[in-house]
Amino acid sequence: MAPHDPGPAPAARPEPSFLIGPVTEPDIHVMSWNVRRPVPAVVARPSDRWSRRAPAVRALLAAERPTVLGAQEVLREQTTVMLDALGPGYAVVGRGRGSDGGGEASPIFYDSGRLELLDWDQIALSDQPTRAGSASWGNLIPRVMVSAEFRDRGTSRSFLVINTHLDPFSARSRLRSARAILDLVSAAAPSSARHSPALVTGDLNTGPAGAAVRELVREGTLVDSWHSARTRASEEWGTYTGYRAPRRNGARIDWILASSAFRVTHAAVNPLRPGGVWASDHLPVHAVVRLDRGGVAA
């Protein structure tokens, strides 16, 4: 008897090109991503080399095309790559954290066809916020907060975006930085003259139990987009992977927080590997939000 011929093996299921992808108004696709700065090839392991990762960063951003992206650990050469990947019409605000405006940045990229930039600012997270490159509160490396106010051209609603990268070593610095962020959010709350709901993106270098995160959500001015989302488009992956497969229910140290004027329809942690390559040692996080009429959550 001839052996049974099972026929051709089933084709491998193609990996989706995006997790959330472009959205249309009134939805706003928010993304936060520590893209990992380039380090010299002589000290970087193969998975960490920017020359290897850059095509994956390009592919992921070109597929996702968020309305607004808060990024961390970005050097100038990466800004060029990221803007090119996002495509025509995207712009960026933010500069390096050094005293001369160089070095790592925490910029905000945005779709300028959809969003009109009304104003932006960058301050040091220190006792001297207007002094570029200053450091306080136990962090040896300068930390910054970039803020941008936008008007949605489609809905004529305005909102504030704050992006940051908190210190990995000093819990005191993270807590003081969280208070500085919350002060700015509170000043922009709908009860104030500015009437600007707020979104906070960032690598906060702490999980949900950390003092900085607890401070940010303590008064309910901000909520965790993951827990408030109506739909979660992924597992709750830990966001720092070190170029390894992510763990379920791992530490989420990368965040999108939203004020109560926003309804969060979707949230996700993105485990995709374009071309089989990890684009960063962090996974991007996403939220799809929309502003409720009158700024009141449904």
C-alpha atoms as a PDB file:
ATOM      1  CA  MET A   1       0.000   0.000   0.000  1.00  0.00           C
ATOM      2  CA  ALA A   2       1.345   3.394  -0.925  1.00  0.00           C
ATOM      3  CA  PRO A   3       1.961   5.633   2.047  1.00  0.00           C
ATOM      4  CA  HIS A   4      -0.669   8.269   2.627  1.00  0.00           C
ATOM      5  CA  ASP A   5       0.219  11.539   0.912  1.00  0.00           C
ATOM      6  CA  PRO A   6      -0.887  14.375   3.156  1.00  0.00           C
ATOM      7  CA  GLY A   7      -0.546  16.855   0.316  1.00  0.00           C
ATOM      8  CA  PRO A   8       1.253  20.166   0.515  1.00  0.00           C
ATOM      9  CA  ALA A   9       1.854  21.636   3.925  1.00  0.00           C
ATOM     10  CA  PRO A  10      -0.489  24.490   4.779  1.00  0.00           C
ATOM     11  CA  ALA A  11       1.022  27.889   4.051  1.00  0.00           C
ATOM     12  CA  ALA A  12       2.375  29.720   7.048  1.00  0.00           C
ATOM     13  CA  ARG A  13      -0.066  32.296   8.265  1.00  0.00           C
ATOM     14  CA  PRO A  14       1.364  35.691   7.337  1.00  0.00           C
ATOM     15  CA  GLU A  15       2.068  38.048  10.183  1.00  0.00           C
ATOM     16  CA  PRO A  16      -0.250  41.064  10.036  1.00  0.00           C
ATOM     17  CA  SER A  17       1.446  44.238   8.900  1.00  0.00           C
ATOM     18  CA  PHE A  18      -0.151  46.348  11.621  1.00  0.00           C
ATOM     19  CA  LEU A  19      -1.877  45.983  14.950  1.00  0.00           C
ATOM     20  CA  ILE A  20      -3.985  49.179  15.000  1.00  0.00           C
ATOM     21  CA  GLY A  21      -3.140  51.027  11.799  1.00  0.00           C
ATOM     22  CA  PRO A  22      -4.392  54.362  10.488  1.00  0.00           C
ATOM     23  CA  VAL A  23      -7.686  55.722  11.843  1.00  0.00           C
ATOM     24  CA  THR A  24     -10.158  58.332  10.684  1.00  0.00           C
ATOM     25  CA  GLU A  25     -11.788  61.133  12.625  1.00  0.00           C
ATOM     26  CA  PRO A  26     -13.022  61.394  15.260  1.00  0.00           C
ATOM     27  CA  ASP A  27     -10.674  58.600  16.362  1.00  0.00           C
ATOM     28  CA  ILE A  28      -7.120  59.543  17.343  1.00  0.00           C
ATOM     29  CA  HIS A  29      -4.455  56.831  17.223  1.00  0.00           C
ATOM     30  CA  VAL A  30      -1.929  57.487  19.994  1.00  0.00           C
ATOM     31  CA  MET A  31       1.341  55.594  20.186  1.00  0.00           C
ATOM     32  CA  SER A  32       4.229  55.619  22.672  1.00  0.00           C
ATOM     33  CA  TRP A  33       7.522  53.946  21.832  1.00  0.00           C
ATOM     34  CA  ASN A  34      11.043  53.853  23.194  1.00  0.00           C
ATOM     35  CA  VAL A  35      12.888  53.166  19.933  1.00  0.00           C
ATOM     36  CA  ARG A  36      16.268  52.530  21.599  1.00  0.00           C
ATOM     37  CA  ARG A  37      19.092  54.900  20.713  1.00  0.00           C
ATOM     38  CA  PRO A  38      21.861  53.645  18.417  1.00  0.00           C
ATOM     39  CA  VAL A  39      25.037  52.504  20.163  1.00  0.00           C
ATOM     40  CA  PRO A  40      28.421  51.856  18.528  1.00  0.00           C
ATOM     41  CA  ALA A  41      28.425  48.605  16.578  1.00  0.00           C
ATOM     42  CA  VAL A  42      31.569  47.432  18.341  1.00  0.00           C
ATOM     43  CA  VAL A  43      29.715  47.238  21.652  1.00  0.00           C
ATOM     44  CA  ALA A  44      26.211  46.385  20.409  1.00  0.00           C
ATOM     45  CA  ARG A  45      25.075  42.810  20.109  1.00  0.00           C
ATOM     46  CA  PRO A  46      23.640  41.999  16.668  1.00  0.00           C
ATOM     47  CA  SER A  47      20.010  42.408  17.731  1.00  0.00           C
ATOM     48  CA  ASP A  48      20.789  45.896  19.108  1.00  0.00           C
ATOM     49  CA  ARG A  49      22.481  47.317  16.026  1.00  0.00           C
ATOM     50  CA  TRP A  50      20.649  50.235  14.508  1.00  0.00           C
ATOM     51  CA  SER A  51      21.596  49.141  10.989  1.00  0.00           C
ATOM     52  CA  ARG A  52      19.658  45.926  11.637  1.00  0.00           C
ATOM     53  CA  ARG A  53      16.730  47.541  13.443  1.00  0.00           C
ATOM     54  CA  ALA A  54      16.138  50.596  11.253  1.00  0.00           C
ATOM     55  CA  PRO A  55      14.251  48.713   8.486  1.00  0.00           C
ATOM     56  CA  ALA A  56      11.958  47.178  11.125  1.00  0.00           C
ATOM     57  CA  VAL A  57      11.315  50.610  12.674  1.00  0.00           C
ATOM     58  CA  ARG A  58      10.485  51.935   9.222  1.00  0.00           C
ATOM     59  CA  ALA A  59       8.115  49.073   8.460  1.00  0.00           C
ATOM     60  CA  LEU A  60       6.296  49.248  11.781  1.00  0.00           C
ATOM     61  CA  LEU A  61       5.739  53.014  11.647  1.00  0.00           C
ATOM     62  CA  ALA A  62       4.721  52.955   7.982  1.00  0.00           C
ATOM     63  CA  ALA A  63       2.094  50.323   8.807  1.00  0.00           C
ATOM     64  CA  GLU A  64       0.763  51.828  12.043  1.00  0.00           C
ATOM     65  CA  ARG A  65       0.799  55.538  11.051  1.00  0.00           C
ATOM     66  CA  PRO A  66      -0.391  56.884  14.418  1.00  0.00           C
ATOM     67  CA  THR A  67      -2.040  60.284  14.577  1.00  0.00           C
ATOM     68  CA  VAL A  68       0.382  61.236  17.319  1.00  0.00           C
ATOM     69  CA  LEU A  69       3.500  59.417  18.540  1.00  0.00           C
ATOM     70  CA  GLY A  70       5.438  60.112  21.722  1.00  0.00           C
ATOM     71  CA  ALA A  71       8.892  58.569  21.249  1.00  0.00           C
ATOM     72  CA  GLN A  72      11.841  58.170  23.563  1.00  0.00           C
ATOM     73  CA  GLU A  73      15.616  57.712  23.196  1.00  0.00           C
ATOM     74  CA  VAL A  74      15.541  59.333  19.770  1.00  0.00           C
ATOM     75  CA  LEU A  75      18.721  60.693  18.180  1.00  0.00           C
ATOM     76  CA  ARG A  76      18.716  63.002  15.159  1.00  0.00           C
ATOM     77  CA  GLU A  77      19.526  60.259  12.667  1.00  0.00           C
ATOM     78  CA  GLN A  78      16.546  58.290  13.961  1.00  0.00           C
ATOM     79  CA  THR A  79      14.225  61.280  13.652  1.00  0.00           C
ATOM     80  CA  THR A  80      14.967  61.399   9.928  1.00  0.00           C
ATOM     81  CA  VAL A  81      14.225  57.697   9.518  1.00  0.00           C
ATOM     82  CA  MET A  82      11.010  57.916  11.522  1.00  0.00           C
ATOM     83  CA  LEU A  83       9.637  60.939   9.672  1.00  0.00           C
ATOM     84  CA  ASP A  84      10.395  59.281   6.349  1.00  0.00           C
ATOM     85  CA  ALA A  85       8.612  56.120   7.481  1.00  0.00           C
ATOM     86  CA  LEU A  86       5.523  57.958   8.701  1.00  0.00           C
ATOM     87  CA  GLY A  87       5.244  59.675   5.350  1.00  0.00           C
ATOM     88  CA  PRO A  88       4.432  63.096   3.892  1.00  0.00           C
ATOM     89  CA  GLY A  89       2.532  65.425   6.174  1.00  0.00           C
ATOM     90  CA  TYR A  90       4.089  64.265   9.442  1.00  0.00           C
ATOM     91  CA  ALA A  91       6.034  66.725  11.571  1.00  0.00           C
ATOM     92  CA  VAL A  92       7.894  66.609  14.876  1.00  0.00           C
ATOM     93  CA  VAL A  93       8.591  68.822  17.893  1.00  0.00           C
ATOM     94  CA  GLY A  94      11.201  68.321  20.603  1.00  0.00           C
ATOM     95  CA  ARG A  95      14.954  68.567  20.918  1.00  0.00           C
ATOM     96  CA  GLY A  96      17.735  66.725  22.714  1.00  0.00           C
ATOM     97  CA  ARG A  97      17.941  66.776  26.487  1.00  0.00           C
ATOM     98  CA  GLY A  98      21.468  68.225  26.596  1.00  0.00           C
ATOM     99  CA  SER A  99      22.283  71.842  27.403  1.00  0.00           C
ATOM    100  CA  ASP A 100      22.908  72.465  23.685  1.00  0.00           C
ATOM    101  CA  GLY A 101      19.729  70.716  22.569  1.00  0.00           C
ATOM    102  CA  GLY A 102      21.655  67.649  21.447  1.00  0.00           C
ATOM    103  CA  GLY A 103      21.628  64.049  22.582  1.00  0.00           C
ATOM    104  CA  GLU A 104      18.646  61.850  23.265  1.00  0.00           C
ATOM    105  CA  ALA A 105      15.246  63.410  22.696  1.00  0.00           C
ATOM    106  CA  SER A 106      11.653  62.610  23.615  1.00  0.00           C
ATOM    107  CA  PRO A 107       9.945  64.108  20.570  1.00  0.00           C
ATOM    108  CA  ILE A 108       6.298  64.190  19.594  1.00  0.00           C
ATOM    109  CA  PHE A 109       5.577  63.192  15.988  1.00  0.00           C
ATOM    110  CA  TYR A 110       2.173  64.105  14.575  1.00  0.00           C
ATOM    111  CA  ASP A 111       0.063  64.008  11.434  1.00  0.00           C
ATOM    112  CA  SER A 112      -0.019  67.694  10.508  1.00  0.00           C
ATOM    113  CA  GLY A 113      -2.763  67.106   7.952  1.00  0.00           C
ATOM    114  CA  ARG A 114      -5.032  65.989  10.757  1.00  0.00           C
ATOM    115  CA  LEU A 115      -3.656  68.037  13.669  1.00  0.00           C
ATOM    116  CA  GLU A 116      -2.807  71.732  13.772  1.00  0.00           C
ATOM    117  CA  LEU A 117       0.038  72.540  16.165  1.00  0.00           C
ATOM    118  CA  LEU A 118      -1.048  75.458  18.360  1.00  0.00           C
ATOM    119  CA  ASP A 119       1.944  75.616  20.691  1.00  0.00           C
ATOM    120  CA  TRP A 120       4.721  73.469  22.099  1.00  0.00           C
ATOM    121  CA  ASP A 121       7.343  73.593  24.831  1.00  0.00           C
ATOM    122  CA  GLN A 122      10.130  71.534  26.343  1.00  0.00           C
ATOM    123  CA  ILE A 123      11.277  71.827  29.937  1.00  0.00           C
ATOM    124  CA  ALA A 124      13.798  70.041  32.093  1.00  0.00           C
ATOM    125  CA  LEU A 125      12.413  67.840  34.838  1.00  0.00           C
ATOM    126  CA  SER A 126      14.419  69.557  37.534  1.00  0.00           C
ATOM    127  CA  ASP A 127      14.354  72.426  40.016  1.00  0.00           C
ATOM    128  CA  GLN A 128      15.383  74.642  37.079  1.00  0.00           C
ATOM    129  CA  PRO A 129      12.894  73.627  34.394  1.00  0.00           C
ATOM    130  CA  THR A 130      13.843  76.404  31.970  1.00  0.00           C
ATOM    131  CA  ARG A 131      17.558  75.579  32.126  1.00  0.00           C
ATOM    132  CA  ALA A 132      18.295  73.057  29.377  1.00  0.00           C
ATOM    133  CA  GLY A 133      20.399  70.147  30.532  1.00  0.00           C
ATOM    134  CA  SER A 134      19.683  70.644  34.234  1.00  0.00           C
ATOM    135  CA  ALA A 135      19.191  67.655  36.520  1.00  0.00           C
ATOM    136  CA  SER A 136      17.772  67.366  40.036  1.00  0.00           C
ATOM    137  CA  TRP A 137      15.894  65.009  42.323  1.00  0.00           C
ATOM    138  CA  GLY A 138      18.466  62.214  42.207  1.00  0.00           C
ATOM    139  CA  ASN A 139      18.762  61.682  38.462  1.00  0.00           C
ATOM    140  CA  LEU A 140      22.305  62.116  37.129  1.00  0.00           C
ATOM    141  CA  ILE A 141      21.134  62.306  33.503  1.00  0.00           C
ATOM    142  CA  PRO A 142      18.906  65.214  32.410  1.00  0.00           C
ATOM    143  CA  ARG A 143      15.257  64.339  31.887  1.00  0.00           C
ATOM    144  CA  VAL A 144      12.749  66.370  29.910  1.00  0.00           C
ATOM    145  CA  MET A 145       9.044  66.797  29.318  1.00  0.00           C
ATOM    146  CA  VAL A 146       7.819  67.822  25.865  1.00  0.00           C
ATOM    147  CA  SER A 147       4.317  69.239  25.589  1.00  0.00           C
ATOM    148  CA  ALA A 148       2.329  70.149  22.499  1.00  0.00           C
ATOM    149  CA  GLU A 149      -1.159  71.562  22.115  1.00  0.00           C
ATOM    150  CA  PHE A 150      -3.060  70.512  19.016  1.00  0.00           C
ATOM    151  CA  ARG A 151      -6.353  71.331  17.335  1.00  0.00           C
ATOM    152  CA  ASP A 152      -8.017  68.464  15.537  1.00  0.00           C
ATOM    153  CA  ARG A 153      -8.855  69.891  12.114  1.00  0.00           C
ATOM    154  CA  GLY A 154     -11.750  67.467  11.753  1.00  0.00           C
ATOM    155  CA  THR A 155     -13.534  68.151  15.016  1.00  0.00           C
ATOM    156  CA  SER A 156     -12.061  71.569  15.983  1.00  0.00           C
ATOM    157  CA  ARG A 157     -11.360  70.164  19.446  1.00  0.00           C
ATOM    158  CA  SER A 158      -8.012  70.965  21.064  1.00  0.00           C
ATOM    159  CA  PHE A 159      -5.984  68.780  23.395  1.00  0.00           C
ATOM    160  CA  LEU A 160      -2.583  68.603  25.033  1.00  0.00           C
ATOM    161  CA  VAL A 161       0.014  65.873  24.545  1.00  0.00           C
ATOM    162  CA  ILE A 162       2.873  65.381  27.015  1.00  0.00           C
ATOM    163  CA  ASN A 163       5.732  63.009  26.286  1.00  0.00           C
ATOM    164  CA  THR A 164       8.571  62.027  28.601  1.00  0.00           C
ATOM    165  CA  HIS A 165      11.180  59.439  29.568  1.00  0.00           C
ATOM    166  CA  LEU A 166      11.603  59.118  33.324  1.00  0.00           C
ATOM    167  CA  ASP A 167      14.785  58.131  35.110  1.00  0.00           C
ATOM    168  CA  PRO A 168      15.402  54.369  35.458  1.00  0.00           C
ATOM    169  CA  PHE A 169      17.479  54.605  38.625  1.00  0.00           C
ATOM    170  CA  SER A 170      15.947  57.207  40.944  1.00  0.00           C
ATOM    171  CA  ALA A 171      12.465  56.564  42.318  1.00  0.00           C
ATOM    172  CA  ARG A 172      12.538  60.052  43.843  1.00  0.00           C
ATOM    173  CA  SER A 173      13.201  61.585  40.442  1.00  0.00           C
ATOM    174  CA  ARG A 174      10.358  59.621  38.882  1.00  0.00           C
ATOM    175  CA  LEU A 175       7.945  60.757  41.593  1.00  0.00           C
ATOM    176  CA  ARG A 176       8.947  64.431  41.380  1.00  0.00           C
ATOM    177  CA  SER A 177       8.720  64.236  37.592  1.00  0.00           C
ATOM    178  CA  ALA A 178       5.246  62.706  37.830  1.00  0.00           C
ATOM    179  CA  ARG A 179       4.138  65.606  40.010  1.00  0.00           C
ATOM    180  CA  ALA A 180       5.492  68.100  37.456  1.00  0.00           C
ATOM    181  CA  ILE A 181       3.576  66.318  34.692  1.00  0.00           C
ATOM    182  CA  LEU A 182       0.396  66.234  36.754  1.00  0.00           C
ATOM    183  CA  ASP A 183       0.722  69.963  37.496  1.00  0.00           C
ATOM    184  CA  LEU A 184       0.770  70.690  33.763  1.00  0.00           C
ATOM    185  CA  VAL A 185      -2.161  68.350  33.113  1.00  0.00           C
ATOM    186  CA  SER A 186      -4.168  69.951  35.908  1.00  0.00           C
ATOM    187  CA  ALA A 187      -3.466  73.410  34.492  1.00  0.00           C
ATOM    188  CA  ALA A 188      -4.850  72.243  31.140  1.00  0.00           C
ATOM    189  CA  ALA A 189      -7.938  70.533  32.576  1.00  0.00           C
ATOM    190  CA  PRO A 190     -11.343  71.466  31.123  1.00  0.00           C
ATOM    191  CA  SER A 191     -12.173  73.467  34.244  1.00  0.00           C
ATOM    192  CA  SER A 192      -9.332  75.882  33.444  1.00  0.00           C
ATOM    193  CA  ALA A 193      -9.285  78.668  30.880  1.00  0.00           C
ATOM    194  CA  ARG A 194      -7.371  76.607  28.345  1.00  0.00           C
ATOM    195  CA  HIS A 195     -10.003  73.874  28.092  1.00  0.00           C
ATOM    196  CA  SER A 196      -7.493  71.266  26.888  1.00  0.00           C
ATOM    197  CA  PRO A 197      -7.900  67.580  27.696  1.00  0.00           C
ATOM    198  CA  ALA A 198      -4.545  65.826  27.975  1.00  0.00           C
ATOM    199  CA  LEU A 199      -2.730  62.676  26.882  1.00  0.00           C
ATOM    200  CA  VAL A 200       0.512  61.564  28.493  1.00  0.00           C
ATOM    201  CA  THR A 201       2.877  59.212  26.677  1.00  0.00           C
ATOM    202  CA  GLY A 202       6.173  57.934  27.934  1.00  0.00           C
ATOM    203  CA  ASP A 203       8.624  55.373  29.131  1.00  0.00           C
ATOM    204  CA  LEU A 204       8.000  55.846  32.838  1.00  0.00           C
ATOM    205  CA  ASN A 205      10.481  53.131  33.869  1.00  0.00           C
ATOM    206  CA  THR A 206       8.012  51.763  36.394  1.00  0.00           C
ATOM    207  CA  GLY A 207       4.993  49.499  36.392  1.00  0.00           C
ATOM    208  CA  PRO A 208       1.456  50.029  37.705  1.00  0.00           C
ATOM    209  CA  ALA A 209       2.552  49.618  41.333  1.00  0.00           C
ATOM    210  CA  GLY A 210       5.293  52.249  41.051  1.00  0.00           C
ATOM    211  CA  ALA A 211       4.937  55.465  43.038  1.00  0.00           C
ATOM    212  CA  ALA A 212       5.180  57.650  39.924  1.00  0.00           C
ATOM    213  CA  VAL A 213       2.307  55.871  38.163  1.00  0.00           C
ATOM    214  CA  ARG A 214       0.212  55.823  41.327  1.00  0.00           C
ATOM    215  CA  GLU A 215       0.767  59.566  41.636  1.00  0.00           C
ATOM    216  CA  LEU A 216      -0.307  60.228  38.063  1.00  0.00           C
ATOM    217  CA  VAL A 217      -3.606  58.363  38.461  1.00  0.00           C
ATOM    218  CA  ARG A 218      -4.214  59.133  42.142  1.00  0.00           C
ATOM    219  CA  GLU A 219      -6.773  61.912  41.723  1.00  0.00           C
ATOM    220  CA  GLY A 220      -8.436  60.484  38.631  1.00  0.00           C
ATOM    221  CA  THR A 221      -7.275  63.371  36.442  1.00  0.00           C
ATOM    222  CA  LEU A 222      -5.540  60.756  34.302  1.00  0.00           C
ATOM    223  CA  VAL A 223      -6.479  57.135  33.706  1.00  0.00           C
ATOM    224  CA  ASP A 224      -4.522  54.173  32.363  1.00  0.00           C
ATOM    225  CA  SER A 225      -5.628  53.697  28.757  1.00  0.00           C
ATOM    226  CA  TRP A 226      -5.056  49.940  28.976  1.00  0.00           C
ATOM    227  CA  HIS A 227      -7.538  49.443  31.794  1.00  0.00           C
ATOM    228  CA  SER A 228     -10.074  51.967  30.540  1.00  0.00           C
ATOM    229  CA  ALA A 229     -10.162  50.671  26.944  1.00  0.00           C
ATOM    230  CA  ARG A 230     -13.364  49.077  25.701  1.00  0.00           C
ATOM    231  CA  THR A 231     -11.351  46.656  23.545  1.00  0.00           C
ATOM    232  CA  ARG A 232      -7.814  45.337  23.970  1.00  0.00           C
ATOM    233  CA  ALA A 233      -6.215  44.335  20.691  1.00  0.00           C
ATOM    234  CA  SER A 234      -3.391  42.317  22.244  1.00  0.00           C
ATOM    235  CA  GLU A 235      -2.260  40.421  25.301  1.00  0.00           C
ATOM    236  CA  GLU A 236      -1.015  42.490  28.223  1.00  0.00           C
ATOM    237  CA  TRP A 237       2.597  42.031  27.222  1.00  0.00           C
ATOM    238  CA  GLY A 238       5.446  43.386  29.302  1.00  0.00           C
ATOM    239  CA  THR A 239       6.781  46.311  27.303  1.00  0.00           C
ATOM    240  CA  TYR A 240      10.505  45.977  27.994  1.00  0.00           C
ATOM    241  CA  THR A 241      11.674  42.792  26.274  1.00  0.00           C
ATOM    242  CA  GLY A 242      15.408  43.233  25.676  1.00  0.00           C
ATOM    243  CA  TYR A 243      14.945  41.761  22.159  1.00  0.00           C
ATOM    244  CA  ARG A 244      13.338  38.616  23.531  1.00  0.00           C
ATOM    245  CA  ALA A 245       9.835  37.240  23.186  1.00  0.00           C
ATOM    246  CA  PRO A 246       7.492  39.268  25.420  1.00  0.00           C
ATOM    247  CA  ARG A 247       5.945  37.854  28.553  1.00  0.00           C
ATOM    248  CA  ARG A 248       2.241  37.916  29.299  1.00  0.00           C
ATOM    249  CA  ASN A 249       1.387  40.125  32.259  1.00  0.00           C
ATOM    250  CA  GLY A 250       4.960  41.401  32.362  1.00  0.00           C
ATOM    251  CA  ALA A 251       5.781  44.866  33.603  1.00  0.00           C
ATOM    252  CA  ARG A 252       4.221  47.639  31.531  1.00  0.00           C
ATOM    253  CA  ILE A 253       6.762  50.434  31.909  1.00  0.00           C
ATOM    254  CA  ASP A 254       5.624  52.247  28.742  1.00  0.00           C
ATOM    255  CA  TRP A 255       2.401  54.170  29.096  1.00  0.00           C
ATOM    256  CA  ILE A 256      -0.434  56.115  27.539  1.00  0.00           C
ATOM    257  CA  LEU A 257      -2.536  57.975  30.090  1.00  0.00           C
ATOM    258  CA  ALA A 258      -5.619  59.985  29.181  1.00  0.00           C
ATOM    259  CA  SER A 259      -7.758  62.565  30.919  1.00  0.00           C
ATOM    260  CA  SER A 260     -11.432  61.859  31.439  1.00  0.00           C
ATOM    261  CA  ALA A 261     -12.502  63.897  28.408  1.00  0.00           C
ATOM    262  CA  PHE A 262     -11.276  61.028  26.243  1.00  0.00           C
ATOM    263  CA  ARG A 263     -13.030  57.730  25.642  1.00  0.00           C
ATOM    264  CA  VAL A 264     -10.512  54.959  25.005  1.00  0.00           C
ATOM    265  CA  THR A 265     -11.913  52.553  22.437  1.00  0.00           C
ATOM    266  CA  HIS A 266      -8.860  50.346  21.876  1.00  0.00           C
ATOM    267  CA  ALA A 267      -5.548  49.657  23.592  1.00  0.00           C
ATOM    268  CA  ALA A 268      -2.699  47.374  22.584  1.00  0.00           C
ATOM    269  CA  VAL A 269       0.907  46.391  23.213  1.00  0.00           C
ATOM    270  CA  ASN A 270       2.545  45.683  19.879  1.00  0.00           C
ATOM    271  CA  PRO A 271       4.575  42.430  19.587  1.00  0.00           C
ATOM    272  CA  LEU A 272       5.029  42.488  15.784  1.00  0.00           C
ATOM    273  CA  ARG A 273       8.473  41.802  14.311  1.00  0.00           C
ATOM    274  CA  PRO A 274       8.706  43.216  10.784  1.00  0.00           C
ATOM    275  CA  GLY A 275      10.914  40.909   8.757  1.00  0.00           C
ATOM    276  CA  GLY A 276      11.417  38.763  11.851  1.00  0.00           C
ATOM    277  CA  VAL A 277      13.427  41.539  13.537  1.00  0.00           C
ATOM    278  CA  TRP A 278      12.727  43.204  16.877  1.00  0.00           C
ATOM    279  CA  ALA A 279      12.670  46.922  16.061  1.00  0.00           C
ATOM    280  CA  SER A 280      13.552  47.960  19.619  1.00  0.00           C
ATOM    281  CA  ASP A 281      14.156  46.519  23.057  1.00  0.00           C
ATOM    282  CA  HIS A 282      10.766  48.019  23.996  1.00  0.00           C
ATOM    283  CA  LEU A 283       7.378  47.175  22.511  1.00  0.00           C
ATOM    284  CA  PRO A 284       5.244  50.070  21.271  1.00  0.00           C
ATOM    285  CA  VAL A 285       1.992  50.762  23.089  1.00  0.00           C
ATOM    286  CA  HIS A 286      -1.150  52.073  21.391  1.00  0.00           C
ATOM    287  CA  ALA A 287      -4.480  53.610  22.264  1.00  0.00           C
ATOM    288  CA  VAL A 288      -7.348  54.778  20.078  1.00  0.00           C
ATOM    289  CA  VAL A 289      -9.195  57.632  21.735  1.00  0.00           C
ATOM    290  CA  ARG A 290     -11.900  60.121  20.900  1.00  0.00           C
ATOM    291  CA  LEU A 291     -12.998  63.302  22.575  1.00  0.00           C
ATOM    292  CA  ASP A 292     -16.502  63.266  23.934  1.00  0.00           C
ATOM    293  CA  ARG A 293     -18.730  66.248  23.299  1.00  0.00           C
ATOM    294  CA  GLY A 294     -18.356  68.775  26.040  1.00  0.00           C
ATOM    295  CA  GLY A 295     -15.323  66.937  27.368  1.00  0.00           C
ATOM    296  CA  VAL A 296     -17.375  64.616  29.549  1.00  0.00           C
ATOM    297  CA  ALA A 297     -16.647  60.886  29.516  1.00  0.00           C
ATOM    298  CA  ALA A 298     -19.496  58.654  28.461  1.00  0.00           C
END
